[in-house]
Amino acid sequence: MTAKETARKAADLMLTRKATDVVILDLSELSSATDCFVIGSAASDTQVRAVADALIDGLEKANVRICHLEGYQERRWVLLDCFDVVIHVFLDEVRDFYSLERLWGDAPLEKVEG
C-alpha cells in the first residue's frame, strides 16, 4: 500500500467513528521524516479512544504496521506512526492549541468527508 493509500484508509477509518475535520497533509516534498499526516478531531476522550481503536484494528486488517503508538492512555492526542504516514487523533481543544495545519501550512491539504 502506498503512503497516499494508507493515509486515505486511515482517514476513512476515522470517519467510521465520526471524527471531524479529517484532513490529509502531503508532506512528501517538505519532510524526509514522513510522507503524510492524517489529522482528525474528536469531541471527547471516549471518542478519541474509539477512533484510535478503529484505526488500530482497521490498519492491522489492511496489513499496515503501526511502529509506534503514543498518547493512547491519556486520550487527548493519540499518535500512530506507520512509517510513511503519521496519524493524529486530537481532542478538539488540543488540536486548536497545536494547530499542525498552520505549522505545516506549505503542505497540500485534502479535506476528507464521509
Protein backbone atom coordinates (compact mmCIF):
# COMPACT_ATOMS: atom_id res chain seq x y z
CA MET A 1 0.00 0.00 0.00
CA THR A 2 1.40 3.43 -0.90
CA ALA A 3 1.59 6.26 1.62
CA LYS A 4 -1.35 8.02 -0.02
CA GLU A 5 -3.43 4.83 0.05
CA THR A 6 -2.56 4.30 3.71
CA ALA A 7 -3.45 7.91 4.50
CA ARG A 8 -6.79 7.58 2.72
CA LYS A 9 -7.53 4.29 4.54
CA ALA A 10 -6.74 5.95 7.88
CA ALA A 11 -8.97 8.93 7.06
CA ASP A 12 -11.84 6.61 6.12
CA LEU A 13 -11.38 4.64 9.36
CA MET A 14 -11.50 7.87 11.37
CA LEU A 15 -14.80 8.78 9.74
CA THR A 16 -16.34 5.44 10.78
CA ARG A 17 -16.15 6.71 14.37
CA LYS A 18 -17.45 10.17 13.49
CA ALA A 19 -14.12 12.01 13.70
CA THR A 20 -14.49 15.59 12.45
CA ASP A 21 -12.34 17.89 10.33
CA VAL A 22 -10.38 14.97 8.88
CA VAL A 23 -7.55 16.12 6.63
CA ILE A 24 -4.54 14.63 4.87
CA LEU A 25 -1.41 16.76 4.62
CA ASP A 26 1.04 15.76 1.88
CA LEU A 27 4.49 16.31 3.39
CA SER A 28 6.41 14.33 0.76
CA GLU A 29 8.06 17.47 -0.66
CA LEU A 30 8.62 19.12 2.74
CA SER A 31 9.90 16.44 5.10
CA SER A 32 12.17 13.42 4.98
CA ALA A 33 10.58 12.06 8.17
CA THR A 34 7.18 11.11 6.72
CA ASP A 35 5.11 11.47 3.55
CA CYS A 36 1.70 12.27 5.05
CA PHE A 37 -0.06 13.41 8.17
CA VAL A 38 -3.65 12.38 8.72
CA ILE A 39 -5.37 14.58 11.29
CA GLY A 40 -8.82 14.28 12.82
CA SER A 41 -10.70 15.61 15.84
CA ALA A 42 -12.92 14.07 18.48
CA ALA A 43 -15.31 15.73 20.92
CA SER A 44 -14.43 13.63 23.99
CA ASP A 45 -11.70 11.38 25.34
CA THR A 46 -14.07 8.44 24.84
CA GLN A 47 -14.37 9.30 21.16
CA VAL A 48 -10.58 9.73 20.86
CA ARG A 49 -10.20 6.16 22.10
CA ALA A 50 -12.93 4.86 19.77
CA VAL A 51 -11.26 6.50 16.76
CA ALA A 52 -7.84 5.16 17.82
CA ASP A 53 -9.28 1.66 18.29
CA ALA A 54 -10.86 1.77 14.82
CA LEU A 55 -7.51 2.83 13.35
CA ILE A 56 -5.53 0.14 15.16
CA ASP A 57 -7.96 -2.61 14.16
CA GLY A 58 -8.56 -1.42 10.60
CA LEU A 59 -4.91 -0.79 9.77
CA GLU A 60 -3.94 -4.18 11.17
CA LYS A 61 -6.54 -5.83 8.92
CA ALA A 62 -5.11 -3.89 5.96
CA ASN A 63 -1.60 -5.16 6.84
CA VAL A 64 -0.36 -1.67 7.73
CA ARG A 65 2.22 -1.82 10.52
CA ILE A 66 1.97 0.71 13.34
CA CYS A 67 5.56 1.09 14.51
CA HIS A 68 4.77 3.48 17.36
CA LEU A 69 1.65 4.41 19.32
CA GLU A 70 1.64 7.35 21.71
CA GLY A 71 -0.98 9.04 23.91
CA TYR A 72 -3.45 6.16 23.95
CA GLN A 73 -3.80 6.10 27.75
CA GLU A 74 -4.25 9.88 28.08
CA ARG A 75 -6.73 10.10 25.17
CA ARG A 76 -6.07 13.76 24.41
CA TRP A 77 -3.77 13.32 21.40
CA VAL A 78 -3.16 9.85 20.04
CA LEU A 79 -0.36 9.50 17.52
CA LEU A 80 0.04 6.41 15.36
CA ASP A 81 3.30 6.23 13.41
CA CYS A 82 3.06 3.99 10.34
CA PHE A 83 6.50 4.95 8.93
CA ASP A 84 5.48 6.99 5.89
CA VAL A 85 2.15 8.10 7.39
CA VAL A 86 1.68 9.64 10.83
CA ILE A 87 -1.89 9.75 12.13
CA HIS A 88 -3.07 12.23 14.75
CA VAL A 89 -6.35 11.94 16.67
CA PHE A 90 -6.96 15.06 18.75
CA LEU A 91 -9.46 16.31 21.27
CA ASP A 92 -10.89 19.45 19.67
CA GLU A 93 -9.22 21.91 22.06
CA VAL A 94 -5.85 20.13 21.86
CA ARG A 95 -5.91 20.29 18.06
CA ASP A 96 -6.67 24.01 18.21
CA PHE A 97 -3.72 24.54 20.56
CA TYR A 98 -1.12 22.67 18.47
CA SER A 99 -2.52 23.71 15.07
CA LEU A 100 -0.49 21.30 12.94
CA GLU A 101 -2.19 22.52 9.76
CA ARG A 102 -0.83 26.00 10.39
CA LEU A 103 2.61 24.68 11.35
CA TRP A 104 2.76 22.71 8.09
CA GLY A 105 0.93 25.41 6.12
CA ASP A 106 3.02 24.87 2.98
CA ALA A 107 1.78 21.29 2.62
CA PRO A 108 -1.03 20.48 0.20
CA LEU A 109 -4.14 19.71 2.27
CA GLU A 110 -7.01 17.39 1.35
CA LYS A 111 -10.23 17.57 3.36
CA VAL A 112 -11.82 14.14 3.72
CA GLU A 113 -15.55 13.85 4.20
CA GLY A 114 -17.70 10.79 4.64
